[in-house]
Amino acid sequence: MNLAELKPGVHAVITDLSKTDRMVNKRLRDLGVTAGTLICLRSVMPLGGPCCFESCGECIGIRRAEAETIDVECDTHWKSL
């Protein structure tokens, strides 16, 4: 599953960032977002707009196409956080 497929408010763990663009990958690492990081999708803008997610106590916006390259693993335990 990828980040763009999550429902808003659902928590997941990032499993793979290797398919992201080099610059996006660097930006995410600079913000502390790496494989194994807990992430929560906050909102997805309509009409193919960007996604907003929360990780490491920060809200981060990225293009939907970039969110589709970030693999995550959803766990029912994280939904209650």
C-alpha atoms as a PDB file:
ATOM      1  CA  MET A   1       0.000   0.000   0.000  1.00  0.00           C
ATOM      2  CA  ASN A   2       1.241   3.524  -0.625  1.00  0.00           C
ATOM      3  CA  LEU A   3       0.802   6.741   1.340  1.00  0.00           C
ATOM      4  CA  ALA A   4      -1.795   8.182  -1.055  1.00  0.00           C
ATOM      5  CA  GLU A   5      -4.025   5.116  -0.544  1.00  0.00           C
ATOM      6  CA  LEU A   6      -4.378   5.688   3.208  1.00  0.00           C
ATOM      7  CA  LYS A   7      -7.585   7.137   4.557  1.00  0.00           C
ATOM      8  CA  PRO A   8      -7.209  10.442   6.425  1.00  0.00           C
ATOM      9  CA  GLY A   9      -6.508   9.896  10.115  1.00  0.00           C
ATOM     10  CA  VAL A  10      -5.089   6.394   9.678  1.00  0.00           C
ATOM     11  CA  HIS A  11      -1.575   5.750  10.990  1.00  0.00           C
ATOM     12  CA  ALA A  12       0.979   3.615   9.172  1.00  0.00           C
ATOM     13  CA  VAL A  13       4.684   2.855   9.159  1.00  0.00           C
ATOM     14  CA  ILE A  14       6.850   3.791   6.185  1.00  0.00           C
ATOM     15  CA  THR A  15       8.422   0.687   4.681  1.00  0.00           C
ATOM     16  CA  ASP A  16      10.135   1.991   1.531  1.00  0.00           C
ATOM     17  CA  LEU A  17      11.213   5.402   0.255  1.00  0.00           C
ATOM     18  CA  SER A  18      13.541   4.137  -2.481  1.00  0.00           C
ATOM     19  CA  LYS A  19      11.095   4.896  -5.324  1.00  0.00           C
ATOM     20  CA  THR A  20      10.839   8.596  -4.474  1.00  0.00           C
ATOM     21  CA  ASP A  21      12.622  11.278  -6.444  1.00  0.00           C
ATOM     22  CA  ARG A  22      16.138  11.987  -5.150  1.00  0.00           C
ATOM     23  CA  MET A  23      15.286  15.536  -4.054  1.00  0.00           C
ATOM     24  CA  VAL A  24      12.038  14.475  -2.354  1.00  0.00           C
ATOM     25  CA  ASN A  25      13.887  11.672  -0.582  1.00  0.00           C
ATOM     26  CA  LYS A  26      16.504  14.133   0.686  1.00  0.00           C
ATOM     27  CA  ARG A  27      13.826  16.575   1.861  1.00  0.00           C
ATOM     28  CA  LEU A  28      11.978  13.852   3.750  1.00  0.00           C
ATOM     29  CA  ARG A  29      15.194  12.589   5.379  1.00  0.00           C
ATOM     30  CA  ASP A  30      16.067  16.154   6.414  1.00  0.00           C
ATOM     31  CA  LEU A  31      12.674  16.302   8.144  1.00  0.00           C
ATOM     32  CA  GLY A  32      13.322  12.983   9.930  1.00  0.00           C
ATOM     33  CA  VAL A  33      11.045  10.873   7.722  1.00  0.00           C
ATOM     34  CA  THR A  34      12.753   7.547   6.986  1.00  0.00           C
ATOM     35  CA  ALA A  35      11.815   3.881   6.679  1.00  0.00           C
ATOM     36  CA  GLY A  36      10.296   2.744   9.971  1.00  0.00           C
ATOM     37  CA  THR A  37       8.807   6.165  10.749  1.00  0.00           C
ATOM     38  CA  LEU A  38       5.217   6.357  11.978  1.00  0.00           C
ATOM     39  CA  ILE A  39       3.128   8.545   9.692  1.00  0.00           C
ATOM     40  CA  CYS A  40      -0.481   9.718   9.592  1.00  0.00           C
ATOM     41  CA  LEU A  41      -2.282  11.005   6.533  1.00  0.00           C
ATOM     42  CA  ARG A  42      -4.119  14.189   7.532  1.00  0.00           C
ATOM     43  CA  SER A  43      -5.761  15.234   4.266  1.00  0.00           C
ATOM     44  CA  VAL A  44      -5.758  14.812   0.497  1.00  0.00           C
ATOM     45  CA  MET A  45      -6.742  17.772  -1.608  1.00  0.00           C
ATOM     46  CA  PRO A  46      -9.331  17.168  -4.350  1.00  0.00           C
ATOM     47  CA  LEU A  47      -8.680  16.992  -8.087  1.00  0.00           C
ATOM     48  CA  GLY A  48      -5.246  15.398  -7.771  1.00  0.00           C
ATOM     49  CA  GLY A  49      -3.960  17.973  -5.313  1.00  0.00           C
ATOM     50  CA  PRO A  50      -1.257  17.452  -2.705  1.00  0.00           C
ATOM     51  CA  CYS A  51      -1.341  15.241   0.382  1.00  0.00           C
ATOM     52  CA  CYS A  52      -0.715  16.483   3.899  1.00  0.00           C
ATOM     53  CA  PHE A  53       0.674  14.047   6.450  1.00  0.00           C
ATOM     54  CA  GLU A  54       2.026  14.239   9.968  1.00  0.00           C
ATOM     55  CA  SER A  55       5.279  12.670  11.039  1.00  0.00           C
ATOM     56  CA  CYS A  56       7.800  13.488  13.743  1.00  0.00           C
ATOM     57  CA  GLY A  57       5.428  16.133  15.091  1.00  0.00           C
ATOM     58  CA  GLU A  58       5.379  18.080  11.816  1.00  0.00           C
ATOM     59  CA  CYS A  59       2.798  18.463   9.059  1.00  0.00           C
ATOM     60  CA  ILE A  60       4.349  17.941   5.650  1.00  0.00           C
ATOM     61  CA  GLY A  61       2.763  18.492   2.249  1.00  0.00           C
ATOM     62  CA  ILE A  62       3.841  16.613  -0.864  1.00  0.00           C
ATOM     63  CA  ARG A  63       2.429  16.040  -4.322  1.00  0.00           C
ATOM     64  CA  ARG A  64       0.064  13.107  -4.667  1.00  0.00           C
ATOM     65  CA  ALA A  65       2.338  11.519  -7.299  1.00  0.00           C
ATOM     66  CA  GLU A  66       5.182  11.546  -4.758  1.00  0.00           C
ATOM     67  CA  ALA A  67       2.936  10.106  -2.031  1.00  0.00           C
ATOM     68  CA  GLU A  68       2.144   7.227  -4.388  1.00  0.00           C
ATOM     69  CA  THR A  69       5.854   6.270  -4.425  1.00  0.00           C
ATOM     70  CA  ILE A  70       6.074   5.956  -0.620  1.00  0.00           C
ATOM     71  CA  ASP A  71       5.218   2.442   0.538  1.00  0.00           C
ATOM     72  CA  VAL A  72       3.598   2.096   3.954  1.00  0.00           C
ATOM     73  CA  GLU A  73       2.270  -0.715   6.101  1.00  0.00           C
ATOM     74  CA  CYS A  74      -0.997  -0.067   7.875  1.00  0.00           C
ATOM     75  CA  ASP A  75      -1.624  -1.762  11.207  1.00  0.00           C
ATOM     76  CA  THR A  76      -4.893  -1.732  13.115  1.00  0.00           C
ATOM     77  CA  HIS A  77      -2.950  -0.971  16.309  1.00  0.00           C
ATOM     78  CA  TRP A  78      -1.898   2.428  14.911  1.00  0.00           C
ATOM     79  CA  LYS A  79      -5.494   3.441  14.060  1.00  0.00           C
ATOM     80  CA  SER A  80      -6.210   4.007  17.732  1.00  0.00           C
ATOM     81  CA  LEU A  81      -3.369   6.473  18.306  1.00  0.00           C
END
